[in-house]
PDB file of all heavy atoms in Angstrom:
ATOM      1  N   GLN A   1       5.387  -2.805 -13.986  1.00  0.00           N
ATOM      2  CA  GLN A   1       5.039  -3.514 -12.768  1.00  0.00           C
ATOM      3  C   GLN A   1       5.968  -3.171 -11.601  1.00  0.00           C
ATOM      4  O   GLN A   1       5.541  -2.769 -10.537  1.00  0.00           O
ATOM      5  CB  GLN A   1       4.999  -5.026 -13.019  1.00  0.00           C
ATOM      6  CG  GLN A   1       3.764  -5.456 -13.859  1.00  0.00           C
ATOM      7  CD  GLN A   1       3.728  -6.948 -14.083  1.00  0.00           C
ATOM      8  OE1 GLN A   1       4.730  -7.582 -14.379  1.00  0.00           O
ATOM      9  NE2 GLN A   1       2.539  -7.496 -13.968  1.00  0.00           N
ATOM     10  N   PRO A   2       7.322  -3.283 -11.750  1.00  0.00           N
ATOM     11  CA  PRO A   2       8.161  -2.889 -10.627  1.00  0.00           C
ATOM     12  C   PRO A   2       8.051  -1.403 -10.309  1.00  0.00           C
ATOM     13  O   PRO A   2       8.136  -1.002  -9.148  1.00  0.00           O
ATOM     14  CB  PRO A   2       9.570  -3.264 -11.093  1.00  0.00           C
ATOM     15  CG  PRO A   2       9.485  -3.444 -12.567  1.00  0.00           C
ATOM     16  CD  PRO A   2       8.105  -3.925 -12.824  1.00  0.00           C
ATOM     17  N   ARG A   3       7.868  -0.583 -11.302  1.00  0.00           N
ATOM     18  CA  ARG A   3       7.688   0.865 -11.035  1.00  0.00           C
ATOM     19  C   ARG A   3       6.474   1.119 -10.190  1.00  0.00           C
ATOM     20  O   ARG A   3       6.462   1.949  -9.287  1.00  0.00           O
ATOM     21  CB  ARG A   3       7.639   1.614 -12.353  1.00  0.00           C
ATOM     22  CG  ARG A   3       8.973   1.653 -13.117  1.00  0.00           C
ATOM     23  CD  ARG A   3       8.807   2.226 -14.507  1.00  0.00           C
ATOM     24  NE  ARG A   3       8.531   3.675 -14.456  1.00  0.00           N
ATOM     25  CZ  ARG A   3       9.464   4.599 -14.401  1.00  0.00           C
ATOM     26  NH1 ARG A   3      10.741   4.260 -14.423  1.00  0.00           N
ATOM     27  NH2 ARG A   3       9.116   5.874 -14.346  1.00  0.00           N
ATOM     28  N   ASP A   4       5.380   0.359 -10.485  1.00  0.00           N
ATOM     29  CA  ASP A   4       4.184   0.505  -9.715  1.00  0.00           C
ATOM     30  C   ASP A   4       4.365   0.048  -8.274  1.00  0.00           C
ATOM     31  O   ASP A   4       3.853   0.676  -7.319  1.00  0.00           O
ATOM     32  CB  ASP A   4       3.036  -0.295 -10.376  1.00  0.00           C
ATOM     33  CG  ASP A   4       1.717  -0.088  -9.681  1.00  0.00           C
ATOM     34  OD1 ASP A   4       1.150   1.020  -9.780  1.00  0.00           O
ATOM     35  OD2 ASP A   4       1.225  -1.044  -9.008  1.00  0.00           O
ATOM     36  N   VAL A   5       5.060  -1.061  -8.094  1.00  0.00           N
ATOM     37  CA  VAL A   5       5.350  -1.550  -6.729  1.00  0.00           C
ATOM     38  C   VAL A   5       6.115  -0.493  -5.938  1.00  0.00           C
ATOM     39  O   VAL A   5       5.782  -0.208  -4.780  1.00  0.00           O
ATOM     40  CB  VAL A   5       6.162  -2.861  -6.801  1.00  0.00           C
ATOM     41  CG1 VAL A   5       6.738  -3.229  -5.427  1.00  0.00           C
ATOM     42  CG2 VAL A   5       5.277  -3.994  -7.288  1.00  0.00           C
ATOM     43  N   VAL A   6       7.158   0.059  -6.530  1.00  0.00           N
ATOM     44  CA  VAL A   6       7.983   1.073  -5.859  1.00  0.00           C
ATOM     45  C   VAL A   6       7.141   2.283  -5.448  1.00  0.00           C
ATOM     46  O   VAL A   6       7.302   2.823  -4.359  1.00  0.00           O
ATOM     47  CB  VAL A   6       9.179   1.462  -6.718  1.00  0.00           C
ATOM     48  CG1 VAL A   6       9.886   2.700  -6.172  1.00  0.00           C
ATOM     49  CG2 VAL A   6      10.161   0.283  -6.803  1.00  0.00           C
ATOM     50  N   ALA A   7       6.243   2.717  -6.325  1.00  0.00           N
ATOM     51  CA  ALA A   7       5.386   3.848  -5.981  1.00  0.00           C
ATOM     52  C   ALA A   7       4.465   3.522  -4.830  1.00  0.00           C
ATOM     53  O   ALA A   7       4.303   4.307  -3.877  1.00  0.00           O
ATOM     54  CB  ALA A   7       4.571   4.258  -7.190  1.00  0.00           C
ATOM     55  N   ARG A   8       3.852   2.349  -4.850  1.00  0.00           N
ATOM     56  CA  ARG A   8       2.939   1.976  -3.768  1.00  0.00           C
ATOM     57  C   ARG A   8       3.675   1.790  -2.455  1.00  0.00           C
ATOM     58  O   ARG A   8       3.140   2.106  -1.378  1.00  0.00           O
ATOM     59  CB  ARG A   8       2.212   0.692  -4.142  1.00  0.00           C
ATOM     60  CG  ARG A   8       1.021   0.895  -5.096  1.00  0.00           C
ATOM     61  CD  ARG A   8       0.253  -0.395  -5.301  1.00  0.00           C
ATOM     62  NE  ARG A   8      -1.115  -0.135  -5.717  1.00  0.00           N
ATOM     63  CZ  ARG A   8      -1.503  -0.068  -6.995  1.00  0.00           C
ATOM     64  NH1 ARG A   8      -0.614  -0.240  -7.968  1.00  0.00           N
ATOM     65  NH2 ARG A   8      -2.777   0.182  -7.307  1.00  0.00           N
ATOM     66  N   LEU A   9       4.882   1.222  -2.496  1.00  0.00           N
ATOM     67  CA  LEU A   9       5.660   0.995  -1.289  1.00  0.00           C
ATOM     68  C   LEU A   9       5.871   2.269  -0.508  1.00  0.00           C
ATOM     69  O   LEU A   9       5.884   2.270   0.720  1.00  0.00           O
ATOM     70  CB  LEU A   9       7.005   0.378  -1.625  1.00  0.00           C
ATOM     71  CG  LEU A   9       7.043  -1.116  -1.903  1.00  0.00           C
ATOM     72  CD1 LEU A   9       8.381  -1.490  -2.537  1.00  0.00           C
ATOM     73  CD2 LEU A   9       6.834  -1.901  -0.627  1.00  0.00           C
ATOM     74  N   GLN A  10       6.076   3.375  -1.179  1.00  0.00           N
ATOM     75  CA  GLN A  10       6.467   4.608  -0.507  1.00  0.00           C
ATOM     76  C   GLN A  10       5.261   5.419  -0.003  1.00  0.00           C
ATOM     77  O   GLN A  10       5.456   6.453   0.624  1.00  0.00           O
ATOM     78  CB  GLN A  10       7.295   5.488  -1.474  1.00  0.00           C
ATOM     79  CG  GLN A  10       8.602   4.828  -1.842  1.00  0.00           C
ATOM     80  CD  GLN A  10       9.375   5.626  -2.876  1.00  0.00           C
ATOM     81  OE1 GLN A  10      10.073   6.581  -2.576  1.00  0.00           O
ATOM     82  NE2 GLN A  10       9.180   5.221  -4.149  1.00  0.00           N
ATOM     83  N   ASP A  11       4.076   4.939  -0.229  1.00  0.00           N
ATOM     84  CA  ASP A  11       2.854   5.626   0.227  1.00  0.00           C
ATOM     85  C   ASP A  11       2.338   4.990   1.501  1.00  0.00           C
ATOM     86  O   ASP A  11       2.100   3.772   1.556  1.00  0.00           O
ATOM     87  CB  ASP A  11       1.784   5.569  -0.863  1.00  0.00           C
ATOM     88  CG  ASP A  11       0.560   6.392  -0.475  1.00  0.00           C
ATOM     89  OD1 ASP A  11      -0.247   5.881   0.334  1.00  0.00           O
ATOM     90  OD2 ASP A  11       0.420   7.520  -0.945  1.00  0.00           O
ATOM     91  N   ALA A  12       2.170   5.776   2.535  1.00  0.00           N
ATOM     92  CA  ALA A  12       1.560   5.310   3.781  1.00  0.00           C
ATOM     93  C   ALA A  12       0.360   6.212   4.118  1.00  0.00           C
ATOM     94  O   ALA A  12       0.135   6.554   5.274  1.00  0.00           O
ATOM     95  CB  ALA A  12       2.554   5.291   4.910  1.00  0.00           C
ATOM     96  N   GLY A  13      -0.398   6.568   3.047  1.00  0.00           N
ATOM     97  CA  GLY A  13      -1.525   7.450   3.247  1.00  0.00           C
ATOM     98  C   GLY A  13      -2.682   7.119   2.344  1.00  0.00           C
ATOM     99  O   GLY A  13      -3.116   5.958   2.279  1.00  0.00           O
ATOM    100  N   GLU A  14      -3.147   8.087   1.553  1.00  0.00           N
ATOM    101  CA  GLU A  14      -4.400   7.955   0.856  1.00  0.00           C
ATOM    102  C   GLU A  14      -4.373   6.900  -0.218  1.00  0.00           C
ATOM    103  O   GLU A  14      -5.373   6.158  -0.412  1.00  0.00           O
ATOM    104  CB  GLU A  14      -4.807   9.314   0.289  1.00  0.00           C
ATOM    105  CG  GLU A  14      -5.079  10.366   1.335  1.00  0.00           C
ATOM    106  CD  GLU A  14      -6.069   9.880   2.397  1.00  0.00           C
ATOM    107  OE1 GLU A  14      -7.089   9.266   1.995  1.00  0.00           O
ATOM    108  OE2 GLU A  14      -5.831  10.105   3.595  1.00  0.00           O
ATOM    109  N   ARG A  15      -3.285   6.779  -0.984  1.00  0.00           N
ATOM    110  CA  ARG A  15      -3.288   5.771  -2.048  1.00  0.00           C
ATOM    111  C   ARG A  15      -3.367   4.365  -1.466  1.00  0.00           C
ATOM    112  O   ARG A  15      -4.113   3.520  -1.953  1.00  0.00           O
ATOM    113  CB  ARG A  15      -2.021   5.907  -2.923  1.00  0.00           C
ATOM    114  CG  ARG A  15      -1.997   4.851  -4.006  1.00  0.00           C
ATOM    115  CD  ARG A  15      -0.793   5.020  -4.946  1.00  0.00           C
ATOM    116  NE  ARG A  15      -0.870   4.053  -6.031  1.00  0.00           N
ATOM    117  CZ  ARG A  15      -0.020   4.004  -7.029  1.00  0.00           C
ATOM    118  NH1 ARG A  15       0.980   4.877  -7.118  1.00  0.00           N
ATOM    119  NH2 ARG A  15      -0.123   3.081  -7.972  1.00  0.00           N
ATOM    120  N   ARG A  16      -2.588   4.129  -0.401  1.00  0.00           N
ATOM    121  CA  ARG A  16      -2.616   2.804   0.233  1.00  0.00           C
ATOM    122  C   ARG A  16      -4.015   2.511   0.810  1.00  0.00           C
ATOM    123  O   ARG A  16      -4.540   1.400   0.659  1.00  0.00           O
ATOM    124  CB  ARG A  16      -1.571   2.741   1.339  1.00  0.00           C
ATOM    125  CG  ARG A  16      -1.421   1.387   1.993  1.00  0.00           C
ATOM    126  CD  ARG A  16      -0.342   1.379   3.039  1.00  0.00           C
ATOM    127  NE  ARG A  16       0.986   1.540   2.481  1.00  0.00           N
ATOM    128  CZ  ARG A  16       1.872   0.564   2.368  1.00  0.00           C
ATOM    129  NH1 ARG A  16       1.540  -0.670   2.778  1.00  0.00           N
ATOM    130  NH2 ARG A  16       3.056   0.764   1.834  1.00  0.00           N
ATOM    131  N   ILE A  17      -4.597   3.494   1.439  1.00  0.00           N
ATOM    132  CA  ILE A  17      -5.937   3.289   2.023  1.00  0.00           C
ATOM    133  C   ILE A  17      -6.949   3.014   0.910  1.00  0.00           C
ATOM    134  O   ILE A  17      -7.847   2.177   1.065  1.00  0.00           O
ATOM    135  CB  ILE A  17      -6.340   4.515   2.868  1.00  0.00           C
ATOM    136  CG1 ILE A  17      -5.478   4.573   4.133  1.00  0.00           C
ATOM    137  CG2 ILE A  17      -7.816   4.481   3.231  1.00  0.00           C
ATOM    138  CD1 ILE A  17      -5.611   5.810   4.961  1.00  0.00           C
ATOM    139  N   ARG A  18      -6.820   3.696  -0.212  1.00  0.00           N
ATOM    140  CA  ARG A  18      -7.712   3.430  -1.345  1.00  0.00           C
ATOM    141  C   ARG A  18      -7.578   2.006  -1.829  1.00  0.00           C
ATOM    142  O   ARG A  18      -8.567   1.326  -2.087  1.00  0.00           O
ATOM    143  CB  ARG A  18      -7.411   4.427  -2.471  1.00  0.00           C
ATOM    144  CG  ARG A  18      -8.412   4.384  -3.621  1.00  0.00           C
ATOM    145  CD  ARG A  18      -8.301   5.614  -4.509  1.00  0.00           C
ATOM    146  NE  ARG A  18      -6.967   5.759  -5.064  1.00  0.00           N
ATOM    147  CZ  ARG A  18      -6.101   6.706  -4.710  1.00  0.00           C
ATOM    148  NH1 ARG A  18      -6.413   7.608  -3.808  1.00  0.00           N
ATOM    149  NH2 ARG A  18      -4.905   6.784  -5.297  1.00  0.00           N
ATOM    150  N   ASP A  19      -6.341   1.514  -1.931  1.00  0.00           N
ATOM    151  CA  ASP A  19      -6.103   0.111  -2.310  1.00  0.00           C
ATOM    152  C   ASP A  19      -6.703  -0.807  -1.280  1.00  0.00           C
ATOM    153  O   ASP A  19      -7.289  -1.872  -1.627  1.00  0.00           O
ATOM    154  CB  ASP A  19      -4.611  -0.153  -2.434  1.00  0.00           C
ATOM    155  CG  ASP A  19      -4.000   0.448  -3.682  1.00  0.00           C
ATOM    156  OD1 ASP A  19      -4.754   0.835  -4.605  1.00  0.00           O
ATOM    157  OD2 ASP A  19      -2.748   0.553  -3.733  1.00  0.00           O
ATOM    158  N   MET A  20      -6.556  -0.497   0.005  1.00  0.00           N
ATOM    159  CA  MET A  20      -7.157  -1.340   1.050  1.00  0.00           C
ATOM    160  C   MET A  20      -8.659  -1.379   0.938  1.00  0.00           C
ATOM    161  O   MET A  20      -9.270  -2.465   1.031  1.00  0.00           O
ATOM    162  CB  MET A  20      -6.737  -0.800   2.425  1.00  0.00           C
ATOM    163  CG  MET A  20      -5.253  -0.967   2.744  1.00  0.00           C
ATOM    164  SD  MET A  20      -4.725   0.016   4.190  1.00  0.00           S
ATOM    165  CE  MET A  20      -5.639  -0.769   5.508  1.00  0.00           C
ATOM    166  N   ASP A  21      -9.285  -0.235   0.677  1.00  0.00           N
ATOM    167  CA  ASP A  21     -10.740  -0.186   0.537  1.00  0.00           C
ATOM    168  C   ASP A  21     -11.188  -1.035  -0.642  1.00  0.00           C
ATOM    169  O   ASP A  21     -12.177  -1.771  -0.547  1.00  0.00           O
ATOM    170  CB  ASP A  21     -11.193   1.236   0.388  1.00  0.00           C
ATOM    171  CG  ASP A  21     -11.124   2.061   1.679  1.00  0.00           C
ATOM    172  OD1 ASP A  21     -10.993   1.462   2.760  1.00  0.00           O
ATOM    173  OD2 ASP A  21     -11.136   3.308   1.575  1.00  0.00           O
ATOM    174  N   GLU A  22     -10.478  -0.930  -1.729  1.00  0.00           N
ATOM    175  CA  GLU A  22     -10.873  -1.657  -2.944  1.00  0.00           C
ATOM    176  C   GLU A  22     -10.666  -3.148  -2.823  1.00  0.00           C
ATOM    177  O   GLU A  22     -11.336  -3.912  -3.523  1.00  0.00           O
ATOM    178  CB  GLU A  22     -10.092  -1.098  -4.150  1.00  0.00           C
ATOM    179  CG  GLU A  22     -10.518   0.317  -4.505  1.00  0.00           C
ATOM    180  CD  GLU A  22      -9.693   0.927  -5.611  1.00  0.00           C
ATOM    181  OE1 GLU A  22      -8.730   0.247  -6.073  1.00  0.00           O
ATOM    182  OE2 GLU A  22      -9.978   2.067  -6.023  1.00  0.00           O
ATOM    183  N   SER A  23      -9.770  -3.576  -1.942  1.00  0.00           N
ATOM    184  CA  SER A  23      -9.546  -5.005  -1.743  1.00  0.00           C
ATOM    185  C   SER A  23     -10.140  -5.533  -0.459  1.00  0.00           C
ATOM    186  O   SER A  23      -9.997  -6.726  -0.135  1.00  0.00           O
ATOM    187  CB  SER A  23      -8.032  -5.309  -1.794  1.00  0.00           C
ATOM    188  OG  SER A  23      -7.337  -4.545  -0.834  1.00  0.00           O
ATOM    189  N   GLY A  24     -10.836  -4.702   0.289  1.00  0.00           N
ATOM    190  CA  GLY A  24     -11.545  -5.157   1.474  1.00  0.00           C
ATOM    191  C   GLY A  24     -10.638  -5.383   2.682  1.00  0.00           C
ATOM    192  O   GLY A  24     -10.994  -6.157   3.590  1.00  0.00           O
ATOM    193  N   ILE A  25      -9.481  -4.710   2.734  1.00  0.00           N
ATOM    194  CA  ILE A  25      -8.572  -4.848   3.882  1.00  0.00           C
ATOM    195  C   ILE A  25      -8.883  -3.712   4.868  1.00  0.00           C
ATOM    196  O   ILE A  25      -8.824  -2.547   4.495  1.00  0.00           O
ATOM    197  CB  ILE A  25      -7.108  -4.800   3.440  1.00  0.00           C
ATOM    198  CG1 ILE A  25      -6.802  -5.920   2.467  1.00  0.00           C
ATOM    199  CG2 ILE A  25      -6.176  -4.887   4.652  1.00  0.00           C
ATOM    200  CD1 ILE A  25      -7.092  -7.326   2.982  1.00  0.00           C
ATOM    201  N   ASP A  26      -9.193  -4.083   6.106  1.00  0.00           N
ATOM    202  CA  ASP A  26      -9.532  -3.094   7.098  1.00  0.00           C
ATOM    203  C   ASP A  26      -8.325  -2.457   7.768  1.00  0.00           C
ATOM    204  O   ASP A  26      -8.341  -1.278   8.109  1.00  0.00           O
ATOM    205  CB  ASP A  26     -10.411  -3.749   8.179  1.00  0.00           C
ATOM    206  CG  ASP A  26     -11.703  -4.298   7.611  1.00  0.00           C
ATOM    207  OD1 ASP A  26     -12.527  -3.503   7.129  1.00  0.00           O
ATOM    208  OD2 ASP A  26     -11.875  -5.532   7.589  1.00  0.00           O
ATOM    209  N   HIS A  27      -7.265  -3.259   7.955  1.00  0.00           N
ATOM    210  CA  HIS A  27      -6.124  -2.761   8.739  1.00  0.00           C
ATOM    211  C   HIS A  27      -4.866  -3.455   8.227  1.00  0.00           C
ATOM    212  O   HIS A  27      -4.878  -4.638   7.909  1.00  0.00           O
ATOM    213  CB  HIS A  27      -6.310  -3.120  10.220  1.00  0.00           C
ATOM    214  CG  HIS A  27      -5.407  -2.384  11.144  1.00  0.00           C
ATOM    215  ND1 HIS A  27      -5.668  -1.107  11.634  1.00  0.00           N
ATOM    216  CD2 HIS A  27      -4.193  -2.742  11.698  1.00  0.00           C
ATOM    217  CE1 HIS A  27      -4.702  -0.752  12.441  1.00  0.00           C
ATOM    218  NE2 HIS A  27      -3.791  -1.710  12.500  1.00  0.00           N
ATOM    219  N   GLN A  28      -3.783  -2.680   8.118  1.00  0.00           N
ATOM    220  CA  GLN A  28      -2.478  -3.241   7.730  1.00  0.00           C
ATOM    221  C   GLN A  28      -1.477  -3.070   8.873  1.00  0.00           C
ATOM    222  O   GLN A  28      -1.427  -2.024   9.529  1.00  0.00           O
ATOM    223  CB  GLN A  28      -1.914  -2.517   6.508  1.00  0.00           C
ATOM    224  CG  GLN A  28      -2.530  -2.898   5.185  1.00  0.00           C
ATOM    225  CD  GLN A  28      -1.759  -2.321   4.006  1.00  0.00           C
ATOM    226  OE1 GLN A  28      -0.816  -1.528   4.167  1.00  0.00           O
ATOM    227  NE2 GLN A  28      -2.116  -2.732   2.809  1.00  0.00           N
ATOM    228  N   VAL A  29      -0.657  -4.099   9.070  1.00  0.00           N
ATOM    229  CA  VAL A  29       0.535  -4.011   9.920  1.00  0.00           C
ATOM    230  C   VAL A  29       1.709  -3.754   8.996  1.00  0.00           C
ATOM    231  O   VAL A  29       2.140  -4.603   8.237  1.00  0.00           O
ATOM    232  CB  VAL A  29       0.748  -5.275  10.740  1.00  0.00           C
ATOM    233  CG1 VAL A  29       1.993  -5.144  11.599  1.00  0.00           C
ATOM    234  CG2 VAL A  29      -0.477  -5.567  11.610  1.00  0.00           C
ATOM    235  N   LEU A  30       2.207  -2.518   9.015  1.00  0.00           N
ATOM    236  CA  LEU A  30       3.244  -2.059   8.097  1.00  0.00           C
ATOM    237  C   LEU A  30       4.629  -2.401   8.627  1.00  0.00           C
ATOM    238  O   LEU A  30       4.880  -2.399   9.839  1.00  0.00           O
ATOM    239  CB  LEU A  30       3.176  -0.539   7.908  1.00  0.00           C
ATOM    240  CG  LEU A  30       1.805   0.021   7.492  1.00  0.00           C
ATOM    241  CD1 LEU A  30       1.891   1.558   7.471  1.00  0.00           C
ATOM    242  CD2 LEU A  30       1.415  -0.526   6.150  1.00  0.00           C
ATOM    243  N   ALA A  31       5.562  -2.675   7.712  1.00  0.00           N
ATOM    244  CA  ALA A  31       6.955  -2.914   8.079  1.00  0.00           C
ATOM    245  C   ALA A  31       7.876  -2.553   6.945  1.00  0.00           C
ATOM    246  O   ALA A  31       7.512  -2.681   5.760  1.00  0.00           O
ATOM    247  CB  ALA A  31       7.154  -4.390   8.480  1.00  0.00           C
ATOM    248  N   LEU A  32       9.064  -2.101   7.288  1.00  0.00           N
ATOM    249  CA  LEU A  32      10.073  -1.726   6.283  1.00  0.00           C
ATOM    250  C   LEU A  32      10.415  -2.892   5.371  1.00  0.00           C
ATOM    251  O   LEU A  32      10.758  -3.984   5.842  1.00  0.00           O
ATOM    252  CB  LEU A  32      11.323  -1.198   6.982  1.00  0.00           C
ATOM    253  CG  LEU A  32      12.419  -0.663   6.087  1.00  0.00           C
ATOM    254  CD1 LEU A  32      11.949   0.579   5.346  1.00  0.00           C
ATOM    255  CD2 LEU A  32      13.682  -0.373   6.881  1.00  0.00           C
ATOM    256  N   THR A  33      10.325  -2.669   4.083  1.00  0.00           N
ATOM    257  CA  THR A  33      10.557  -3.737   3.108  1.00  0.00           C
ATOM    258  C   THR A  33      11.986  -4.175   3.035  1.00  0.00           C
ATOM    259  O   THR A  33      12.919  -3.458   3.406  1.00  0.00           O
ATOM    260  CB  THR A  33      10.052  -3.282   1.722  1.00  0.00           C
ATOM    261  OG1 THR A  33       9.917  -4.415   0.869  1.00  0.00           O
ATOM    262  CG2 THR A  33      10.998  -2.262   1.104  1.00  0.00           C
ATOM    263  N   ALA A  34      12.187  -5.369   2.496  1.00  0.00           N
ATOM    264  CA  ALA A  34      13.514  -5.925   2.301  1.00  0.00           C
ATOM    265  C   ALA A  34      14.262  -5.134   1.203  1.00  0.00           C
ATOM    266  O   ALA A  34      13.635  -4.641   0.268  1.00  0.00           O
ATOM    267  CB  ALA A  34      13.430  -7.385   1.904  1.00  0.00           C
TER     268      ALA A  34
END
C-alpha cells in the first residue's frame, strides 16, 4: 500500500489521468505533498 502511494504520487501524466478517468475525476488541482 505505501509503495503504491509513492509510485502514484510521482506520476503527473498518463497513470494519474487513467486513475482520474476510472474514478470520474475531470480535473485535479495538484500540490506538493507533505
